[in-house]
Protein backbone atom coordinates (compact mmCIF):
# COMPACT_ATOMS: atom_id res chain seq x y z
CA MET A 1 -37.58 -15.59 -12.32
CA LEU A 2 -33.84 -15.87 -13.10
CA LEU A 3 -34.06 -12.91 -15.49
CA ASN A 4 -35.72 -10.74 -12.81
CA LYS A 5 -32.97 -11.67 -10.36
CA LYS A 6 -30.27 -10.64 -12.86
CA ILE A 7 -32.03 -7.31 -13.48
CA PHE A 8 -32.24 -6.70 -9.73
CA LEU A 9 -28.52 -7.43 -9.25
CA LEU A 10 -27.55 -5.15 -12.14
CA PHE A 11 -29.72 -2.33 -10.75
CA THR A 12 -28.18 -2.78 -7.28
CA ALA A 13 -24.64 -2.67 -8.71
CA PHE A 14 -25.55 0.53 -10.59
CA LEU A 15 -26.77 2.21 -7.40
CA LEU A 16 -23.60 1.17 -5.54
CA SER A 17 -21.42 2.63 -8.27
CA LEU A 18 -23.27 5.94 -8.01
CA SER A 19 -22.82 5.91 -4.24
CA ALA A 20 -19.11 5.22 -4.61
CA CYS A 21 -18.72 8.10 -7.04
CA SER A 22 -20.36 10.48 -4.60
CA HIS A 23 -17.66 9.65 -2.05
CA HIS A 24 -14.75 9.89 -4.46
CA PRO A 25 -14.25 13.42 -5.82
CA VAL A 26 -13.32 13.67 -9.47
CA TYR A 27 -9.72 14.66 -9.96
CA LYS A 28 -9.24 18.09 -11.49
CA GLU A 29 -5.98 18.85 -13.25
CA LYS A 30 -4.12 21.64 -11.51
CA GLU A 31 -0.78 23.23 -12.19
CA TYR A 32 1.78 22.17 -9.60
CA THR A 33 4.28 24.83 -8.53
CA GLN A 34 7.61 24.61 -6.73
CA GLN A 35 5.99 26.27 -3.72
CA ASN A 36 4.08 23.04 -3.14
CA VAL A 37 7.23 21.03 -2.57
CA ASN A 38 9.55 23.47 -0.81
CA TRP A 39 9.04 21.69 2.51
CA GLY A 40 8.48 18.21 1.09
CA TRP A 41 4.88 17.63 0.13
CA GLN A 42 1.60 19.45 -0.25
CA ALA A 43 -1.24 17.60 -1.92
CA PRO A 44 -3.39 19.70 -4.30
CA GLU A 45 -6.77 20.64 -2.84
CA ASN A 46 -8.82 18.88 -5.52
CA SER A 47 -6.65 15.78 -5.81
CA TYR A 48 -8.17 12.32 -5.56
CA ARG A 49 -8.13 10.78 -2.10
CA PRO A 50 -10.10 7.56 -1.52
CA MET A 51 -12.01 7.18 1.73
CA TYR A 52 -10.65 3.68 2.22
CA THR A 53 -7.44 2.18 0.83
CA ASN A 54 -5.23 -0.74 1.74
CA LYS A 55 -2.28 0.62 -0.25
CA LEU A 56 0.80 1.46 1.80
CA LEU A 57 4.09 3.04 0.86
CA SER A 58 5.73 -0.36 1.40
CA ASP A 59 3.61 -1.83 -1.40
CA TYR A 60 5.16 0.58 -3.88
CA THR A 61 8.71 0.19 -2.61
CA GLU A 62 8.33 -3.57 -2.88
CA GLN A 63 7.44 -3.23 -6.57
CA LEU A 64 10.38 -0.89 -7.17
CA ALA A 65 12.74 -3.23 -5.32
CA MET A 66 11.62 -6.13 -7.52
CA LYS A 67 12.39 -4.07 -10.63
CA LEU A 68 15.84 -3.23 -9.26
CA VAL A 69 16.65 -6.86 -8.51
CA GLU A 70 15.39 -8.01 -11.91
CA ASN A 71 17.87 -5.86 -13.87
CA MET A 72 20.67 -5.78 -11.28
CA LYS A 73 24.25 -6.63 -12.34
CA TYR A 74 27.40 -7.39 -10.34
CA VAL A 75 25.68 -7.03 -6.95
CA THR A 76 25.62 -10.21 -4.86
CA GLU A 77 24.58 -11.14 -1.35
CA LYS A 78 28.18 -10.48 -0.26
CA THR A 79 28.54 -6.93 -1.62
CA PRO A 80 27.52 -4.30 0.98
CA ILE A 81 24.84 -1.82 -0.12
CA ALA A 82 24.01 1.47 1.61
CA VAL A 83 20.64 3.18 1.15
CA THR A 84 20.47 6.98 1.22
CA SER A 85 17.57 9.41 1.49
CA PHE A 86 15.66 10.05 -1.72
CA VAL A 87 16.01 13.70 -2.73
CA ASN A 88 13.98 16.23 -4.68
CA LEU A 89 15.09 16.59 -8.29
CA ASP A 90 16.14 20.24 -7.92
CA ASN A 91 19.25 22.37 -8.44
CA ASN A 92 21.35 20.98 -5.57
CA LEU A 93 19.97 17.45 -5.02
CA GLN A 94 20.29 18.00 -1.27
CA THR A 95 16.63 18.43 -0.26
CA THR A 96 14.71 15.55 1.29
CA SER A 97 11.63 15.09 3.49
CA ILE A 98 9.78 12.59 5.66
CA PHE A 99 8.75 10.90 2.43
CA GLY A 100 12.31 10.71 1.10
CA ASN A 101 13.61 9.30 4.38
CA GLN A 102 10.78 6.79 4.71
CA LEU A 103 11.44 5.56 1.18
CA ALA A 104 15.04 4.84 2.18
CA GLU A 105 13.90 2.97 5.30
CA SER A 106 11.48 0.87 3.26
CA PHE A 107 14.13 0.02 0.67
CA MET A 108 16.50 -1.16 3.41
CA ASN A 109 13.88 -3.66 4.49
CA GLU A 110 13.10 -4.78 0.93
CA LEU A 111 16.74 -5.33 -0.06
CA GLN A 112 17.40 -7.30 3.11
CA GLU A 113 14.40 -9.53 2.35
CA PHE A 114 15.90 -10.23 -1.08
CA GLY A 115 18.98 -11.57 0.71
CA LEU A 116 21.29 -8.63 -0.02
CA SER A 117 23.77 -7.21 2.50
CA VAL A 118 22.53 -3.81 3.65
CA VAL A 119 24.84 -1.44 5.54
CA ASP A 120 23.21 0.73 8.22
CA PHE A 121 25.77 3.53 8.30
CA LYS A 122 23.65 5.60 10.72
CA HIS A 123 24.20 3.06 13.49
CA THR A 124 26.74 4.36 15.99
CA GLY A 125 27.92 0.91 17.04
CA ALA A 126 26.95 1.71 20.61
CA VAL A 127 23.89 2.32 22.77
CA HIS A 128 23.36 5.76 24.29
CA VAL A 129 21.20 5.58 27.41
CA THR A 130 19.41 8.82 28.35
CA SER A 131 16.42 9.87 30.41
CA ASP A 132 14.42 10.19 27.17
CA GLY A 133 15.21 6.70 25.92
CA ASP A 134 17.93 4.41 24.61
CA PHE A 135 19.41 5.31 21.21
CA SER A 136 21.76 3.70 18.72
CA PHE A 137 21.22 5.86 15.60
CA SER A 138 22.70 9.24 14.76
CA ARG A 139 23.10 11.72 11.90
CA ASN A 140 26.14 13.29 13.53
CA GLY A 141 29.25 12.26 11.59
CA ASN A 142 31.45 12.64 14.67
CA GLU A 143 29.38 10.04 16.52
CA LEU A 144 29.41 7.56 13.65
CA GLY A 145 33.18 7.37 13.41
CA ARG A 146 34.66 5.31 10.61
CA TYR A 147 32.21 4.35 7.86
CA PRO A 148 31.92 0.64 7.07
CA SER A 149 32.90 -0.82 3.71
CA ILE A 150 30.32 0.22 1.12
CA GLU A 151 30.56 -1.02 -2.47
CA TYR A 152 27.16 0.07 -3.80
CA VAL A 153 24.65 2.77 -2.93
CA LEU A 154 20.91 2.76 -3.55
CA SER A 155 19.74 6.33 -4.05
CA GLY A 156 17.04 8.13 -5.97
CA THR A 157 15.23 11.30 -6.95
CA LEU A 158 11.68 12.54 -6.46
CA THR A 159 9.71 14.57 -9.00
CA TYR A 160 6.41 16.01 -7.76
CA ASN A 161 3.36 16.69 -9.89
CA ALA A 162 -0.34 17.24 -9.26
CA ARG A 163 -1.15 13.53 -9.04
CA GLY A 164 1.74 12.24 -6.97
CA VAL A 165 5.47 11.60 -7.07
CA ILE A 166 7.65 10.05 -9.77
CA VAL A 167 10.37 7.98 -8.10
CA ASN A 168 13.60 7.16 -9.91
CA ALA A 169 15.75 4.68 -7.98
CA ARG A 170 19.23 3.39 -8.88
CA ILE A 171 22.05 1.33 -7.45
CA THR A 172 25.48 2.78 -8.22
CA GLY A 173 29.02 1.54 -7.65
CA THR A 174 30.83 3.79 -5.17
CA GLU A 175 34.14 3.63 -7.05
CA SER A 176 33.10 3.13 -10.68
CA LYS A 177 29.97 5.35 -10.47
CA ILE A 178 28.36 2.86 -12.86
CA VAL A 179 24.62 2.34 -12.48
CA VAL A 180 24.14 -1.41 -12.01
CA ALA A 181 20.36 -1.33 -11.48
CA SER A 182 17.55 1.17 -11.98
CA ALA A 183 13.80 1.39 -11.57
CA LYS A 184 11.09 3.99 -12.07
CA GLY A 185 7.71 4.15 -10.37
CA PHE A 186 4.82 6.42 -9.49
CA ILE A 187 3.31 6.88 -6.02
CA PRO A 188 -0.11 8.61 -5.76
CA ASN A 189 -0.38 11.71 -3.62
CA PHE A 190 -2.85 10.15 -1.16
CA VAL A 191 -0.20 7.56 -0.24
CA VAL A 192 2.48 10.23 0.22
CA ASP A 193 0.14 12.53 2.10
CA SER A 194 -0.73 9.77 4.57
CA LEU A 195 2.78 10.15 6.03
CA TYR A 196 1.78 13.62 7.22
CA SER A 197 -1.11 12.44 9.38
CA ASN A 198 -1.27 15.68 11.35
CA ARG A 199 -2.82 17.46 8.36
CA HIS A 200 -5.78 15.13 7.86
CA ARG A 201 -8.21 13.26 9.99
CA ASP A 202 -10.82 10.91 8.52
CA GLY A 203 -10.19 12.41 5.10
CA VAL A 204 -10.82 15.98 6.27
CA ASN A 205 -8.26 18.77 5.89
CA LEU A 206 -7.22 20.11 9.30
C-alpha cells in the first residue's frame, strides 16, 4: 500500500513538472545588439519570462549592497555617501534609463538600512507647491543650489546581454578617486523588463 502511494506521488510530480515546462518557454540564445539598449532596455523575444515570480529588483540590490558592505574600507556611518544613476557601459558613460535610476533609488534605501549616511543631493531643501502637486526634488542644478558635503559616491555600470544585465557597483572617494568597495551581480531580463509595465500585461507582449 505504501509503495503504491509513493508511485502515485512520483507520477503526480512528473505530470506537474511537464505542466510547468509547458508554461515556461525554453530560452534560446540570441545575439544581443546595441540597438536593443539604445533607449534603455528591450528584452529578447525568446527570452525566459516566468508566469509567476516573487523576485523584485530590491532583492538583487540588497544582495549587491551586502557585498559592498562586506568589503568596504574607510567608510563609516559618519561619512556622507551620494548615490548616482547607474549608466550603460558605453563610450561616454552618460546614458541611463528607468532601470539605472531605479537601481540608484534602491541602493539609497539599502545603504540607509545598513546605518550609513546617505546624501540626497536632488532634494532642493524646500517644498514647491503647485496645482499638480507638492514637490521637493529636482534635477535642475540652479534649483539645488550648493551641494552638501559628499565624501564617497556609489555609482555603477550596466552591461546588457541576451539574458539580462550585468551590474558593476562601486563606492569611490570623491577626492582620492580610490575604490573603497565594489560588487558585481546579474539581474535577469524579466526583472528588468517588469519596470516597463506598459509593454506587457499578464505575460503578453503589447
